[in-house]
Amino acid sequence: GNRDNIMILKRHCFDVDDDLTFVDGLLIDGSWEVALYEDEGVNKTEEYFMYTIEFLESGYIKVTDPNFGIIDGSWLAYRNDGLFLGMHYGIEAPFDELNHRWRIVDISVTKDRIELKDYDSNGGIERILVLEKKV
């Protein structure tokens, strides 16, 4: 082989830091809904009206649609120059639009609101996703 090849391994370690433990615990606790989804300045929040998102401890996501159908997904909170929440819902609309590694920008003091952003290569905000805990 080529001795100049360098491989960088990134692995997920459980409970690596207090922030990740906090985020995991927060997401797992209760049900969530999309309070805001803005794509390049266009508000698409209403596409997610009446959907309930549950982050399961197993790493799966269970989304219940307005007709009580189920959309499956997966999630992972991790650190990489900041805190991120990776979500994958496959090809099920409208949640396929949320397949992304989102940067966690803000968590409310009341622990019932998480603001996520997607930045372009120049640092501009492309998309904003706000999740709020359902009461």
C-alpha atoms as a PDB file:
ATOM      1  CA  GLY A   1       0.000   0.000   0.000  1.00  0.00           C
ATOM      2  CA  ASN A   2       0.839   3.649  -0.128  1.00  0.00           C
ATOM      3  CA  ARG A   3       2.537   4.659   3.121  1.00  0.00           C
ATOM      4  CA  ASP A   4       1.347   8.272   2.712  1.00  0.00           C
ATOM      5  CA  ASN A   5      -2.319   7.322   2.933  1.00  0.00           C
ATOM      6  CA  ILE A   6      -3.948   8.651   6.068  1.00  0.00           C
ATOM      7  CA  MET A   7      -7.282   7.395   7.321  1.00  0.00           C
ATOM      8  CA  ILE A   8      -9.193   9.348   9.921  1.00  0.00           C
ATOM      9  CA  LEU A   9     -11.518   7.226  12.002  1.00  0.00           C
ATOM     10  CA  LYS A  10     -14.441   8.876  13.724  1.00  0.00           C
ATOM     11  CA  ARG A  11     -16.376   6.694  16.064  1.00  0.00           C
ATOM     12  CA  HIS A  12     -19.295   7.287  18.330  1.00  0.00           C
ATOM     13  CA  CYS A  13     -18.537   6.726  21.998  1.00  0.00           C
ATOM     14  CA  PHE A  14     -21.416   6.543  24.425  1.00  0.00           C
ATOM     15  CA  ASP A  15     -21.597   9.078  27.247  1.00  0.00           C
ATOM     16  CA  VAL A  16     -18.442  10.813  26.092  1.00  0.00           C
ATOM     17  CA  ASP A  17     -19.409  14.138  27.565  1.00  0.00           C
ATOM     18  CA  ASP A  18     -22.044  15.812  29.707  1.00  0.00           C
ATOM     19  CA  ASP A  19     -23.443  17.872  26.824  1.00  0.00           C
ATOM     20  CA  LEU A  20     -24.209  14.814  24.708  1.00  0.00           C
ATOM     21  CA  THR A  21     -25.653  12.970  27.681  1.00  0.00           C
ATOM     22  CA  PHE A  22     -27.865  16.011  28.314  1.00  0.00           C
ATOM     23  CA  VAL A  23     -29.026  16.233  24.669  1.00  0.00           C
ATOM     24  CA  ASP A  24     -29.761  12.498  24.501  1.00  0.00           C
ATOM     25  CA  GLY A  25     -31.753  12.605  27.733  1.00  0.00           C
ATOM     26  CA  LEU A  26     -33.647  15.667  26.598  1.00  0.00           C
ATOM     27  CA  LEU A  27     -34.656  14.204  23.235  1.00  0.00           C
ATOM     28  CA  ILE A  28     -35.694  10.844  24.678  1.00  0.00           C
ATOM     29  CA  ASP A  29     -37.879  12.518  27.308  1.00  0.00           C
ATOM     30  CA  GLY A  30     -41.305  13.112  25.771  1.00  0.00           C
ATOM     31  CA  SER A  31     -42.674  13.816  22.312  1.00  0.00           C
ATOM     32  CA  TRP A  32     -41.654  16.610  19.955  1.00  0.00           C
ATOM     33  CA  GLU A  33     -43.125  18.539  17.060  1.00  0.00           C
ATOM     34  CA  VAL A  34     -41.770  20.795  14.330  1.00  0.00           C
ATOM     35  CA  ALA A  35     -42.407  24.357  15.556  1.00  0.00           C
ATOM     36  CA  LEU A  36     -40.534  25.917  12.634  1.00  0.00           C
ATOM     37  CA  TYR A  37     -39.008  24.657   9.404  1.00  0.00           C
ATOM     38  CA  GLU A  38     -37.609  27.302   7.113  1.00  0.00           C
ATOM     39  CA  ASP A  39     -35.826  26.373   3.884  1.00  0.00           C
ATOM     40  CA  GLU A  40     -33.857  29.230   2.280  1.00  0.00           C
ATOM     41  CA  GLY A  41     -36.264  31.776   3.730  1.00  0.00           C
ATOM     42  CA  VAL A  42     -39.414  29.823   2.807  1.00  0.00           C
ATOM     43  CA  ASN A  43     -41.541  28.804   5.797  1.00  0.00           C
ATOM     44  CA  LYS A  44     -42.609  25.174   5.364  1.00  0.00           C
ATOM     45  CA  THR A  45     -43.700  24.556   8.946  1.00  0.00           C
ATOM     46  CA  GLU A  46     -47.310  23.703   8.057  1.00  0.00           C
ATOM     47  CA  GLU A  47     -46.158  20.584   6.170  1.00  0.00           C
ATOM     48  CA  TYR A  48     -45.352  19.126   9.616  1.00  0.00           C
ATOM     49  CA  PHE A  49     -48.565  20.123  11.350  1.00  0.00           C
ATOM     50  CA  MET A  50     -50.037  17.359  13.570  1.00  0.00           C
ATOM     51  CA  TYR A  51     -46.952  15.110  13.333  1.00  0.00           C
ATOM     52  CA  THR A  52     -45.480  13.768  16.585  1.00  0.00           C
ATOM     53  CA  ILE A  53     -41.776  12.912  16.796  1.00  0.00           C
ATOM     54  CA  GLU A  54     -40.419  10.500  19.386  1.00  0.00           C
ATOM     55  CA  PHE A  55     -36.670   9.978  19.801  1.00  0.00           C
ATOM     56  CA  LEU A  56     -36.199   6.449  21.112  1.00  0.00           C
ATOM     57  CA  GLU A  57     -33.283   5.386  23.286  1.00  0.00           C
ATOM     58  CA  SER A  58     -32.439   2.712  20.703  1.00  0.00           C
ATOM     59  CA  GLY A  59     -31.466   5.405  18.181  1.00  0.00           C
ATOM     60  CA  TYR A  60     -34.681   5.060  16.221  1.00  0.00           C
ATOM     61  CA  ILE A  61     -37.206   7.810  15.589  1.00  0.00           C
ATOM     62  CA  LYS A  62     -40.936   7.143  15.569  1.00  0.00           C
ATOM     63  CA  VAL A  63     -43.024   9.772  13.800  1.00  0.00           C
ATOM     64  CA  THR A  64     -46.799   9.513  14.068  1.00  0.00           C
ATOM     65  CA  ASP A  65     -48.638  11.252  11.241  1.00  0.00           C
ATOM     66  CA  PRO A  66     -52.066  12.945  11.523  1.00  0.00           C
ATOM     67  CA  ASN A  67     -53.792   9.679  10.488  1.00  0.00           C
ATOM     68  CA  PHE A  68     -51.816   7.698  13.091  1.00  0.00           C
ATOM     69  CA  GLY A  69     -49.559   6.153  10.463  1.00  0.00           C
ATOM     70  CA  ILE A  70     -45.914   5.650  11.413  1.00  0.00           C
ATOM     71  CA  ILE A  71     -42.767   6.957   9.745  1.00  0.00           C
ATOM     72  CA  ASP A  72     -39.519   5.362  10.947  1.00  0.00           C
ATOM     73  CA  GLY A  73     -36.216   7.131  11.225  1.00  0.00           C
ATOM     74  CA  SER A  74     -32.963   7.142  13.131  1.00  0.00           C
ATOM     75  CA  TRP A  75     -31.030   9.751  15.086  1.00  0.00           C
ATOM     76  CA  LEU A  76     -27.649  10.396  16.657  1.00  0.00           C
ATOM     77  CA  ALA A  77     -26.404  13.348  18.683  1.00  0.00           C
ATOM     78  CA  TYR A  78     -22.649  13.819  18.380  1.00  0.00           C
ATOM     79  CA  ARG A  79     -19.835  16.337  18.721  1.00  0.00           C
ATOM     80  CA  ASN A  80     -17.695  17.556  15.820  1.00  0.00           C
ATOM     81  CA  ASP A  81     -16.569  21.169  16.314  1.00  0.00           C
ATOM     82  CA  GLY A  82     -19.904  21.767  18.009  1.00  0.00           C
ATOM     83  CA  LEU A  83     -22.949  19.684  18.873  1.00  0.00           C
ATOM     84  CA  PHE A  84     -24.917  18.069  16.090  1.00  0.00           C
ATOM     85  CA  LEU A  85     -28.108  16.064  15.686  1.00  0.00           C
ATOM     86  CA  GLY A  86     -28.079  13.694  12.761  1.00  0.00           C
ATOM     87  CA  MET A  87     -31.511  12.517  11.606  1.00  0.00           C
ATOM     88  CA  HIS A  88     -32.465  10.150   8.823  1.00  0.00           C
ATOM     89  CA  TYR A  89     -36.037   9.389   7.792  1.00  0.00           C
ATOM     90  CA  GLY A  90     -35.453   7.672   4.466  1.00  0.00           C
ATOM     91  CA  ILE A  91     -37.630   8.830   1.573  1.00  0.00           C
ATOM     92  CA  GLU A  92     -40.914   9.491   3.444  1.00  0.00           C
ATOM     93  CA  ALA A  93     -42.211  12.968   2.664  1.00  0.00           C
ATOM     94  CA  PRO A  94     -42.227  15.483   4.220  1.00  0.00           C
ATOM     95  CA  PHE A  95     -39.594  14.157   6.651  1.00  0.00           C
ATOM     96  CA  ASP A  96     -37.125  13.247   3.905  1.00  0.00           C
ATOM     97  CA  GLU A  97     -36.350  16.986   3.783  1.00  0.00           C
ATOM     98  CA  LEU A  98     -35.030  16.759   7.361  1.00  0.00           C
ATOM     99  CA  ASN A  99     -32.434  14.061   6.574  1.00  0.00           C
ATOM    100  CA  HIS A 100     -29.336  15.934   7.656  1.00  0.00           C
ATOM    101  CA  ARG A 101     -26.615  16.473  10.228  1.00  0.00           C
ATOM    102  CA  TRP A 102     -28.040  19.568  11.910  1.00  0.00           C
ATOM    103  CA  ARG A 103     -25.971  21.860  14.118  1.00  0.00           C
ATOM    104  CA  ILE A 104     -27.582  22.329  17.532  1.00  0.00           C
ATOM    105  CA  VAL A 105     -27.636  26.117  17.944  1.00  0.00           C
ATOM    106  CA  ASP A 106     -29.759  26.598  21.036  1.00  0.00           C
ATOM    107  CA  ILE A 107     -31.608  24.654  23.709  1.00  0.00           C
ATOM    108  CA  SER A 108     -34.100  26.627  25.795  1.00  0.00           C
ATOM    109  CA  VAL A 109     -33.572  26.930  29.537  1.00  0.00           C
ATOM    110  CA  THR A 110     -36.985  25.300  29.953  1.00  0.00           C
ATOM    111  CA  LYS A 111     -35.667  22.299  27.962  1.00  0.00           C
ATOM    112  CA  ASP A 112     -38.696  22.241  25.662  1.00  0.00           C
ATOM    113  CA  ARG A 113     -37.235  23.861  22.551  1.00  0.00           C
ATOM    114  CA  ILE A 114     -34.249  22.945  20.379  1.00  0.00           C
ATOM    115  CA  GLU A 115     -33.060  25.152  17.531  1.00  0.00           C
ATOM    116  CA  LEU A 116     -31.110  23.498  14.718  1.00  0.00           C
ATOM    117  CA  LYS A 117     -29.456  25.099  11.709  1.00  0.00           C
ATOM    118  CA  ASP A 118     -27.978  23.979   8.413  1.00  0.00           C
ATOM    119  CA  TYR A 119     -25.158  26.175   7.117  1.00  0.00           C
ATOM    120  CA  ASP A 120     -23.753  26.443   3.605  1.00  0.00           C
ATOM    121  CA  SER A 121     -19.994  26.275   2.938  1.00  0.00           C
ATOM    122  CA  ASN A 122     -19.690  30.042   3.401  1.00  0.00           C
ATOM    123  CA  GLY A 123     -21.326  29.967   6.841  1.00  0.00           C
ATOM    124  CA  GLY A 124     -24.667  31.315   5.642  1.00  0.00           C
ATOM    125  CA  ILE A 125     -27.856  29.827   7.079  1.00  0.00           C
ATOM    126  CA  GLU A 126     -29.635  27.608   4.547  1.00  0.00           C
ATOM    127  CA  ARG A 127     -32.265  26.050   6.763  1.00  0.00           C
ATOM    128  CA  ILE A 128     -33.649  26.431  10.278  1.00  0.00           C
ATOM    129  CA  LEU A 129     -35.452  23.684  12.177  1.00  0.00           C
ATOM    130  CA  VAL A 130     -37.007  24.249  15.589  1.00  0.00           C
ATOM    131  CA  LEU A 131     -38.360  21.319  17.579  1.00  0.00           C
ATOM    132  CA  GLU A 132     -40.642  21.909  20.543  1.00  0.00           C
ATOM    133  CA  LYS A 133     -41.820  19.459  23.151  1.00  0.00           C
ATOM    134  CA  LYS A 134     -45.512  18.567  22.875  1.00  0.00           C
ATOM    135  CA  VAL A 135     -47.519  19.278  25.991  1.00  0.00           C
END
